[in-house]
Amino acid sequence: MSDIKDLDYYNNWLENSISNGHIKYYEYLDFKNIKLIGNGASGNVFCATWKNTETILALKTFNNLNPTLKEVVKEVKRKKFIIF
């Protein structure tokens, strides 16, 4: 039962953060010129150009093919600017 409550908490936190504009949501297909710039214990970091602009952003992937929502939320809370 605790696992379901945890999942609900993290799911609600993520959805509310996106809805309230704290986290911006983008589709992966909106990026081009994706280049690896670094890696760490939890995943890789890429730089990419957003849509048809000159805006360059960082994208992060997770090494675990199925990261838990809890892991994603913890990672998001550690960062200042996040894109999903």
PDB file of N, CA and C in Angstrom:
ATOM      1  N   MET A   1       0.823  -1.190   0.000  1.00  0.00           N
ATOM      2  CA  MET A   1       0.000   0.000   0.000  1.00  0.00           C
ATOM      3  C   MET A   1       0.866   1.253   0.000  1.00  0.00           C
ATOM      4  N   SER A   2       1.971   1.226   0.720  1.00  0.00           N
ATOM      5  CA  SER A   2       2.862   2.384   0.779  1.00  0.00           C
ATOM      6  C   SER A   2       3.428   2.728  -0.592  1.00  0.00           C
ATOM      7  N   ASP A   3       3.729   1.699  -1.400  1.00  0.00           N
ATOM      8  CA  ASP A   3       4.264   1.930  -2.736  1.00  0.00           C
ATOM      9  C   ASP A   3       3.275   2.698  -3.610  1.00  0.00           C
ATOM     10  N   ILE A   4       1.982   2.382  -3.470  1.00  0.00           N
ATOM     11  CA  ILE A   4       0.949   3.065  -4.249  1.00  0.00           C
ATOM     12  C   ILE A   4       0.851   4.521  -3.796  1.00  0.00           C
ATOM     13  N   LYS A   5       0.906   4.771  -2.492  1.00  0.00           N
ATOM     14  CA  LYS A   5       0.862   6.146  -1.984  1.00  0.00           C
ATOM     15  C   LYS A   5       2.080   6.926  -2.464  1.00  0.00           C
ATOM     16  N   ASP A   6       3.254   6.288  -2.455  1.00  0.00           N
ATOM     17  CA  ASP A   6       4.466   6.940  -2.950  1.00  0.00           C
ATOM     18  C   ASP A   6       4.319   7.291  -4.426  1.00  0.00           C
ATOM     19  N   LEU A   7       3.823   6.344  -5.219  1.00  0.00           N
ATOM     20  CA  LEU A   7       3.648   6.576  -6.640  1.00  0.00           C
ATOM     21  C   LEU A   7       2.668   7.724  -6.874  1.00  0.00           C
ATOM     22  N   ASP A   8       1.568   7.742  -6.134  1.00  0.00           N
ATOM     23  CA  ASP A   8       0.593   8.833  -6.250  1.00  0.00           C
ATOM     24  C   ASP A   8       1.228  10.171  -5.888  1.00  0.00           C
ATOM     25  N   TYR A   9       2.017  10.197  -4.812  1.00  0.00           N
ATOM     26  CA  TYR A   9       2.668  11.436  -4.389  1.00  0.00           C
ATOM     27  C   TYR A   9       3.582  11.965  -5.494  1.00  0.00           C
ATOM     28  N   TYR A  10       4.456  11.126  -6.019  1.00  0.00           N
ATOM     29  CA  TYR A  10       5.424  11.570  -7.021  1.00  0.00           C
ATOM     30  C   TYR A  10       4.744  11.910  -8.348  1.00  0.00           C
ATOM     31  N   ASN A  11       3.732  11.139  -8.723  1.00  0.00           N
ATOM     32  CA  ASN A  11       2.989  11.434  -9.931  1.00  0.00           C
ATOM     33  C   ASN A  11       2.284  12.787  -9.812  1.00  0.00           C
ATOM     34  N   ASN A  12       1.624  13.021  -8.684  1.00  0.00           N
ATOM     35  CA  ASN A  12       0.950  14.302  -8.452  1.00  0.00           C
ATOM     36  C   ASN A  12       1.945  15.450  -8.409  1.00  0.00           C
ATOM     37  N   TRP A  13       3.097  15.240  -7.769  1.00  0.00           N
ATOM     38  CA  TRP A  13       4.106  16.292  -7.683  1.00  0.00           C
ATOM     39  C   TRP A  13       4.567  16.691  -9.079  1.00  0.00           C
ATOM     40  N   LEU A  14       4.845  15.699  -9.919  1.00  0.00           N
ATOM     41  CA  LEU A  14       5.319  15.971 -11.268  1.00  0.00           C
ATOM     42  C   LEU A  14       4.245  16.654 -12.107  1.00  0.00           C
ATOM     43  N   GLU A  15       3.030  16.138 -12.083  1.00  0.00           N
ATOM     44  CA  GLU A  15       1.937  16.742 -12.847  1.00  0.00           C
ATOM     45  C   GLU A  15       1.654  18.172 -12.400  1.00  0.00           C
ATOM     46  N   ASN A  16       1.638  18.402 -11.094  1.00  0.00           N
ATOM     47  CA  ASN A  16       1.397  19.757 -10.572  1.00  0.00           C
ATOM     48  C   ASN A  16       2.533  20.706 -10.945  1.00  0.00           C
ATOM     49  N   SER A  17       3.755  20.227 -10.909  1.00  0.00           N
ATOM     50  CA  SER A  17       4.904  21.074 -11.261  1.00  0.00           C
ATOM     51  C   SER A  17       4.837  21.500 -12.721  1.00  0.00           C
ATOM     52  N   ILE A  18       4.404  20.604 -13.591  1.00  0.00           N
ATOM     53  CA  ILE A  18       4.242  20.941 -15.007  1.00  0.00           C
ATOM     54  C   ILE A  18       3.054  21.886 -15.179  1.00  0.00           C
ATOM     55  N   SER A  19       1.915  21.571 -14.546  1.00  0.00           N
ATOM     56  CA  SER A  19       0.705  22.392 -14.667  1.00  0.00           C
ATOM     57  C   SER A  19       0.911  23.807 -14.140  1.00  0.00           C
ATOM     58  N   ASN A  20       1.675  23.939 -13.065  1.00  0.00           N
ATOM     59  CA  ASN A  20       1.899  25.245 -12.450  1.00  0.00           C
ATOM     60  C   ASN A  20       3.042  26.020 -13.101  1.00  0.00           C
ATOM     61  N   GLY A  21       3.652  25.446 -14.123  1.00  0.00           N
ATOM     62  CA  GLY A  21       4.705  26.138 -14.846  1.00  0.00           C
ATOM     63  C   GLY A  21       6.072  26.092 -14.191  1.00  0.00           C
ATOM     64  N   HIS A  22       6.235  25.264 -13.173  1.00  0.00           N
ATOM     65  CA  HIS A  22       7.548  25.130 -12.520  1.00  0.00           C
ATOM     66  C   HIS A  22       8.491  24.293 -13.375  1.00  0.00           C
ATOM     67  N   ILE A  23       7.913  23.394 -14.163  1.00  0.00           N
ATOM     68  CA  ILE A  23       8.662  22.546 -15.070  1.00  0.00           C
ATOM     69  C   ILE A  23       8.029  22.700 -16.447  1.00  0.00           C
ATOM     70  N   LYS A  24       8.850  22.947 -17.453  1.00  0.00           N
ATOM     71  CA  LYS A  24       8.336  23.035 -18.811  1.00  0.00           C
ATOM     72  C   LYS A  24       8.432  21.669 -19.461  1.00  0.00           C
ATOM     73  N   TYR A  25       7.386  21.304 -20.163  1.00  0.00           N
ATOM     74  CA  TYR A  25       7.324  20.013 -20.841  1.00  0.00           C
ATOM     75  C   TYR A  25       7.522  20.217 -22.337  1.00  0.00           C
ATOM     76  N   TYR A  26       8.466  19.486 -22.911  1.00  0.00           N
ATOM     77  CA  TYR A  26       8.716  19.526 -24.351  1.00  0.00           C
ATOM     78  C   TYR A  26       8.763  18.106 -24.871  1.00  0.00           C
ATOM     79  N   GLU A  27       8.419  17.933 -26.121  1.00  0.00           N
ATOM     80  CA  GLU A  27       8.536  16.638 -26.777  1.00  0.00           C
ATOM     81  C   GLU A  27       9.974  16.462 -27.251  1.00  0.00           C
ATOM     82  N   TYR A  28      10.484  15.256 -27.189  1.00  0.00           N
ATOM     83  CA  TYR A  28      11.850  14.966 -27.633  1.00  0.00           C
ATOM     84  C   TYR A  28      12.043  15.347 -29.096  1.00  0.00           C
ATOM     85  N   LEU A  29      11.013  15.161 -29.896  1.00  0.00           N
ATOM     86  CA  LEU A  29      11.099  15.468 -31.325  1.00  0.00           C
ATOM     87  C   LEU A  29      11.266  16.967 -31.602  1.00  0.00           C
ATOM     88  N   ASP A  30      11.075  17.799 -30.589  1.00  0.00           N
ATOM     89  CA  ASP A  30      11.246  19.248 -30.747  1.00  0.00           C
ATOM     90  C   ASP A  30      12.720  19.665 -30.734  1.00  0.00           C
ATOM     91  N   PHE A  31      13.639  18.708 -30.561  1.00  0.00           N
ATOM     92  CA  PHE A  31      15.057  19.020 -30.458  1.00  0.00           C
ATOM     93  C   PHE A  31      15.833  18.501 -31.665  1.00  0.00           C
ATOM     94  N   LYS A  32      16.902  19.210 -31.995  1.00  0.00           N
ATOM     95  CA  LYS A  32      17.787  18.779 -33.084  1.00  0.00           C
ATOM     96  C   LYS A  32      19.230  19.029 -32.652  1.00  0.00           C
ATOM     97  N   ASN A  33      20.182  18.560 -33.443  1.00  0.00           N
ATOM     98  CA  ASN A  33      21.615  18.734 -33.145  1.00  0.00           C
ATOM     99  C   ASN A  33      21.960  18.237 -31.748  1.00  0.00           C
ATOM    100  N   ILE A  34      21.490  17.072 -31.402  1.00  0.00           N
ATOM    101  CA  ILE A  34      21.705  16.510 -30.070  1.00  0.00           C
ATOM    102  C   ILE A  34      23.113  15.931 -29.995  1.00  0.00           C
ATOM    103  N   LYS A  35      23.897  16.419 -28.988  1.00  0.00           N
ATOM    104  CA  LYS A  35      25.291  15.985 -28.831  1.00  0.00           C
ATOM    105  C   LYS A  35      25.568  15.655 -27.367  1.00  0.00           C
ATOM    106  N   LEU A  36      26.248  14.540 -27.145  1.00  0.00           N
ATOM    107  CA  LEU A  36      26.646  14.141 -25.798  1.00  0.00           C
ATOM    108  C   LEU A  36      27.670  15.126 -25.251  1.00  0.00           C
ATOM    109  N   ILE A  37      27.431  15.633 -24.033  1.00  0.00           N
ATOM    110  CA  ILE A  37      28.390  16.556 -23.412  1.00  0.00           C
ATOM    111  C   ILE A  37      28.928  16.037 -22.085  1.00  0.00           C
ATOM    112  N   GLY A  38      28.330  14.982 -21.554  1.00  0.00           N
ATOM    113  CA  GLY A  38      28.823  14.440 -20.296  1.00  0.00           C
ATOM    114  C   GLY A  38      28.011  13.245 -19.854  1.00  0.00           C
ATOM    115  N   ASN A  39      28.546  12.540 -18.843  1.00  0.00           N
ATOM    116  CA  ASN A  39      27.811  11.420 -18.283  1.00  0.00           C
ATOM    117  C   ASN A  39      28.160  11.275 -16.821  1.00  0.00           C
ATOM    118  N   GLY A  40      27.313  10.580 -16.114  1.00  0.00           N
ATOM    119  CA  GLY A  40      27.508  10.380 -14.690  1.00  0.00           C
ATOM    120  C   GLY A  40      26.903   9.065 -14.266  1.00  0.00           C
ATOM    121  N   ALA A  41      26.775   8.901 -12.973  1.00  0.00           N
ATOM    122  CA  ALA A  41      26.285   7.641 -12.421  1.00  0.00           C
ATOM    123  C   ALA A  41      24.846   7.348 -12.819  1.00  0.00           C
ATOM    124  N   SER A  42      24.030   8.399 -12.963  1.00  0.00           N
ATOM    125  CA  SER A  42      22.612   8.149 -13.233  1.00  0.00           C
ATOM    126  C   SER A  42      22.231   8.274 -14.701  1.00  0.00           C
ATOM    127  N   GLY A  43      23.116   8.857 -15.543  1.00  0.00           N
ATOM    128  CA  GLY A  43      22.751   8.973 -16.948  1.00  0.00           C
ATOM    129  C   GLY A  43      23.681   9.857 -17.746  1.00  0.00           C
ATOM    130  N   ASN A  44      23.248  10.190 -18.946  1.00  0.00           N
ATOM    131  CA  ASN A  44      24.028  11.030 -19.854  1.00  0.00           C
ATOM    132  C   ASN A  44      23.392  12.405 -19.982  1.00  0.00           C
ATOM    133  N   VAL A  45      24.217  13.396 -20.300  1.00  0.00           N
ATOM    134  CA  VAL A  45      23.734  14.756 -20.524  1.00  0.00           C
ATOM    135  C   VAL A  45      24.087  15.149 -21.954  1.00  0.00           C
ATOM    136  N   PHE A  46      23.118  15.707 -22.640  1.00  0.00           N
ATOM    137  CA  PHE A  46      23.278  16.124 -24.021  1.00  0.00           C
ATOM    138  C   PHE A  46      22.952  17.603 -24.147  1.00  0.00           C
ATOM    139  N   CYS A  47      23.544  18.265 -25.120  1.00  0.00           N
ATOM    140  CA  CYS A  47      23.076  19.600 -25.477  1.00  0.00           C
ATOM    141  C   CYS A  47      22.317  19.438 -26.781  1.00  0.00           C
ATOM    142  N   ALA A  48      21.320  20.293 -26.967  1.00  0.00           N
ATOM    143  CA  ALA A  48      20.484  20.201 -28.162  1.00  0.00           C
ATOM    144  C   ALA A  48      19.907  21.572 -28.473  1.00  0.00           C
ATOM    145  N   THR A  49      19.567  21.770 -29.723  1.00  0.00           N
ATOM    146  CA  THR A  49      18.923  23.003 -30.157  1.00  0.00           C
ATOM    147  C   THR A  49      17.422  22.773 -30.150  1.00  0.00           C
ATOM    148  N   TRP A  50      16.681  23.737 -29.623  1.00  0.00           N
ATOM    149  CA  TRP A  50      15.233  23.599 -29.500  1.00  0.00           C
ATOM    150  C   TRP A  50      14.529  24.113 -30.737  1.00  0.00           C
ATOM    151  N   LYS A  51      13.727  23.250 -31.319  1.00  0.00           N
ATOM    152  CA  LYS A  51      12.905  23.546 -32.496  1.00  0.00           C
ATOM    153  C   LYS A  51      13.698  24.289 -33.572  1.00  0.00           C
ATOM    154  N   ASN A  52      13.103  25.328 -34.118  1.00  0.00           N
ATOM    155  CA  ASN A  52      13.747  26.117 -35.166  1.00  0.00           C
ATOM    156  C   ASN A  52      14.316  27.407 -34.601  1.00  0.00           C
ATOM    157  N   THR A  53      14.875  27.318 -33.403  1.00  0.00           N
ATOM    158  CA  THR A  53      15.472  28.485 -32.754  1.00  0.00           C
ATOM    159  C   THR A  53      16.967  28.252 -32.592  1.00  0.00           C
ATOM    160  N   GLU A  54      17.618  29.215 -32.019  1.00  0.00           N
ATOM    161  CA  GLU A  54      19.036  29.086 -31.676  1.00  0.00           C
ATOM    162  C   GLU A  54      19.208  28.739 -30.195  1.00  0.00           C
ATOM    163  N   THR A  55      18.104  28.469 -29.495  1.00  0.00           N
ATOM    164  CA  THR A  55      18.131  28.161 -28.068  1.00  0.00           C
ATOM    165  C   THR A  55      18.746  26.786 -27.844  1.00  0.00           C
ATOM    166  N   ILE A  56      19.813  26.751 -27.043  1.00  0.00           N
ATOM    167  CA  ILE A  56      20.495  25.494 -26.727  1.00  0.00           C
ATOM    168  C   ILE A  56      20.149  25.114 -25.293  1.00  0.00           C
ATOM    169  N   LEU A  57      19.740  23.873 -25.124  1.00  0.00           N
ATOM    170  CA  LEU A  57      19.338  23.366 -23.818  1.00  0.00           C
ATOM    171  C   LEU A  57      20.080  22.075 -23.508  1.00  0.00           C
ATOM    172  N   ALA A  58      20.090  21.718 -22.237  1.00  0.00           N
ATOM    173  CA  ALA A  58      20.668  20.439 -21.815  1.00  0.00           C
ATOM    174  C   ALA A  58      19.545  19.436 -21.619  1.00  0.00           C
ATOM    175  N   LEU A  59      19.776  18.211 -22.087  1.00  0.00           N
ATOM    176  CA  LEU A  59      18.839  17.107 -21.914  1.00  0.00           C
ATOM    177  C   LEU A  59      19.534  16.002 -21.139  1.00  0.00           C
ATOM    178  N   LYS A  60      18.814  15.355 -20.240  1.00  0.00           N
ATOM    179  CA  LYS A  60      19.417  14.280 -19.463  1.00  0.00           C
ATOM    180  C   LYS A  60      18.644  12.996 -19.674  1.00  0.00           C
ATOM    181  N   THR A  61      19.389  11.904 -19.836  1.00  0.00           N
ATOM    182  CA  THR A  61      18.791  10.579 -19.912  1.00  0.00           C
ATOM    183  C   THR A  61      19.191   9.802 -18.669  1.00  0.00           C
ATOM    184  N   PHE A  62      18.467   8.736 -18.395  1.00  0.00           N
ATOM    185  CA  PHE A  62      18.781   7.882 -17.261  1.00  0.00           C
ATOM    186  C   PHE A  62      19.357   6.567 -17.760  1.00  0.00           C
ATOM    187  N   ASN A  63      20.403   6.061 -17.074  1.00  0.00           N
ATOM    188  CA  ASN A  63      21.006   4.779 -17.443  1.00  0.00           C
ATOM    189  C   ASN A  63      20.015   3.643 -17.283  1.00  0.00           C
ATOM    190  N   ASN A  64      19.222   3.698 -16.230  1.00  0.00           N
ATOM    191  CA  ASN A  64      18.214   2.688 -15.983  1.00  0.00           C
ATOM    192  C   ASN A  64      17.123   2.871 -17.032  1.00  0.00           C
ATOM    193  N   LEU A  65      16.816   1.841 -17.780  1.00  0.00           N
ATOM    194  CA  LEU A  65      15.802   1.957 -18.828  1.00  0.00           C
ATOM    195  C   LEU A  65      14.427   2.270 -18.273  1.00  0.00           C
ATOM    196  N   ASN A  66      14.181   1.905 -17.041  1.00  0.00           N
ATOM    197  CA  ASN A  66      12.885   2.159 -16.409  1.00  0.00           C
ATOM    198  C   ASN A  66      13.082   2.846 -15.058  1.00  0.00           C
ATOM    199  N   PRO A  67      13.545   4.088 -15.065  1.00  0.00           N
ATOM    200  CA  PRO A  67      13.737   4.743 -13.762  1.00  0.00           C
ATOM    201  C   PRO A  67      12.384   4.914 -13.087  1.00  0.00           C
ATOM    202  N   THR A  68      12.388   4.769 -11.789  1.00  0.00           N
ATOM    203  CA  THR A  68      11.136   4.960 -11.073  1.00  0.00           C
ATOM    204  C   THR A  68      10.798   6.437 -11.060  1.00  0.00           C
ATOM    205  N   LEU A  69       9.545   6.732 -10.926  1.00  0.00           N
ATOM    206  CA  LEU A  69       9.103   8.115 -10.867  1.00  0.00           C
ATOM    207  C   LEU A  69       9.759   8.827  -9.684  1.00  0.00           C
ATOM    208  N   LYS A  70       9.973   8.110  -8.606  1.00  0.00           N
ATOM    209  CA  LYS A  70      10.637   8.682  -7.434  1.00  0.00           C
ATOM    210  C   LYS A  70      12.043   9.150  -7.802  1.00  0.00           C
ATOM    211  N   GLU A  71      12.788   8.349  -8.565  1.00  0.00           N
ATOM    212  CA  GLU A  71      14.139   8.729  -8.983  1.00  0.00           C
ATOM    213  C   GLU A  71      14.110   9.965  -9.875  1.00  0.00           C
ATOM    214  N   VAL A  72      13.134  10.024 -10.770  1.00  0.00           N
ATOM    215  CA  VAL A  72      13.019  11.178 -11.662  1.00  0.00           C
ATOM    216  C   VAL A  72      12.717  12.434 -10.859  1.00  0.00           C
ATOM    217  N   VAL A  73      11.766  12.362  -9.930  1.00  0.00           N
ATOM    218  CA  VAL A  73      11.404  13.522  -9.110  1.00  0.00           C
ATOM    219  C   VAL A  73      12.589  13.971  -8.268  1.00  0.00           C
ATOM    220  N   LYS A  74      13.331  13.039  -7.680  1.00  0.00           N
ATOM    221  CA  LYS A  74      14.509  13.408  -6.892  1.00  0.00           C
ATOM    222  C   LYS A  74      15.527  14.134  -7.757  1.00  0.00           C
ATOM    223  N   GLU A  75      15.727  13.666  -8.982  1.00  0.00           N
ATOM    224  CA  GLU A  75      16.657  14.314  -9.901  1.00  0.00           C
ATOM    225  C   GLU A  75      16.171  15.710 -10.264  1.00  0.00           C
ATOM    226  N   VAL A  76      14.883  15.846 -10.522  1.00  0.00           N
ATOM    227  CA  VAL A  76      14.302  17.143 -10.879  1.00  0.00           C
ATOM    228  C   VAL A  76      14.468  18.134  -9.733  1.00  0.00           C
ATOM    229  N   LYS A  77      14.241  17.696  -8.515  1.00  0.00           N
ATOM    230  CA  LYS A  77      14.346  18.587  -7.355  1.00  0.00           C
ATOM    231  C   LYS A  77      15.768  19.103  -7.163  1.00  0.00           C
ATOM    232  N   ARG A  78      16.766  18.368  -7.651  1.00  0.00           N
ATOM    233  CA  ARG A  78      18.163  18.794  -7.505  1.00  0.00           C
ATOM    234  C   ARG A  78      18.575  19.809  -8.562  1.00  0.00           C
ATOM    235  N   LYS A  79      17.799  19.972  -9.605  1.00  0.00           N
ATOM    236  CA  LYS A  79      18.170  20.847 -10.717  1.00  0.00           C
ATOM    237  C   LYS A  79      17.387  22.147 -10.670  1.00  0.00           C
ATOM    238  N   LYS A  80      17.938  23.182 -11.313  1.00  0.00           N
ATOM    239  CA  LYS A  80      17.261  24.478 -11.340  1.00  0.00           C
ATOM    240  C   LYS A  80      16.327  24.593 -12.536  1.00  0.00           C
ATOM    241  N   PHE A  81      16.764  24.164 -13.714  1.00  0.00           N
ATOM    242  CA  PHE A  81      15.954  24.231 -14.926  1.00  0.00           C
ATOM    243  C   PHE A  81      15.789  22.831 -15.476  1.00  0.00           C
ATOM    244  N   ILE A  82      14.561  22.424 -15.691  1.00  0.00           N
ATOM    245  CA  ILE A  82      14.283  21.065 -16.125  1.00  0.00           C
ATOM    246  C   ILE A  82      13.378  21.080 -17.344  1.00  0.00           C
ATOM    247  N   ILE A  83      13.619  20.154 -18.231  1.00  0.00           N
ATOM    248  CA  ILE A  83      12.778  19.985 -19.411  1.00  0.00           C
ATOM    249  C   ILE A  83      12.400  18.525 -19.507  1.00  0.00           C
ATOM    250  N   PHE A  84      11.139  18.254 -19.709  1.00  0.00           N
ATOM    251  CA  PHE A  84      10.668  16.897 -19.945  1.00  0.00           C
ATOM    252  C   PHE A  84      10.131  16.805 -21.331  1.00  0.00           C
TER     253      PHE A  84
END
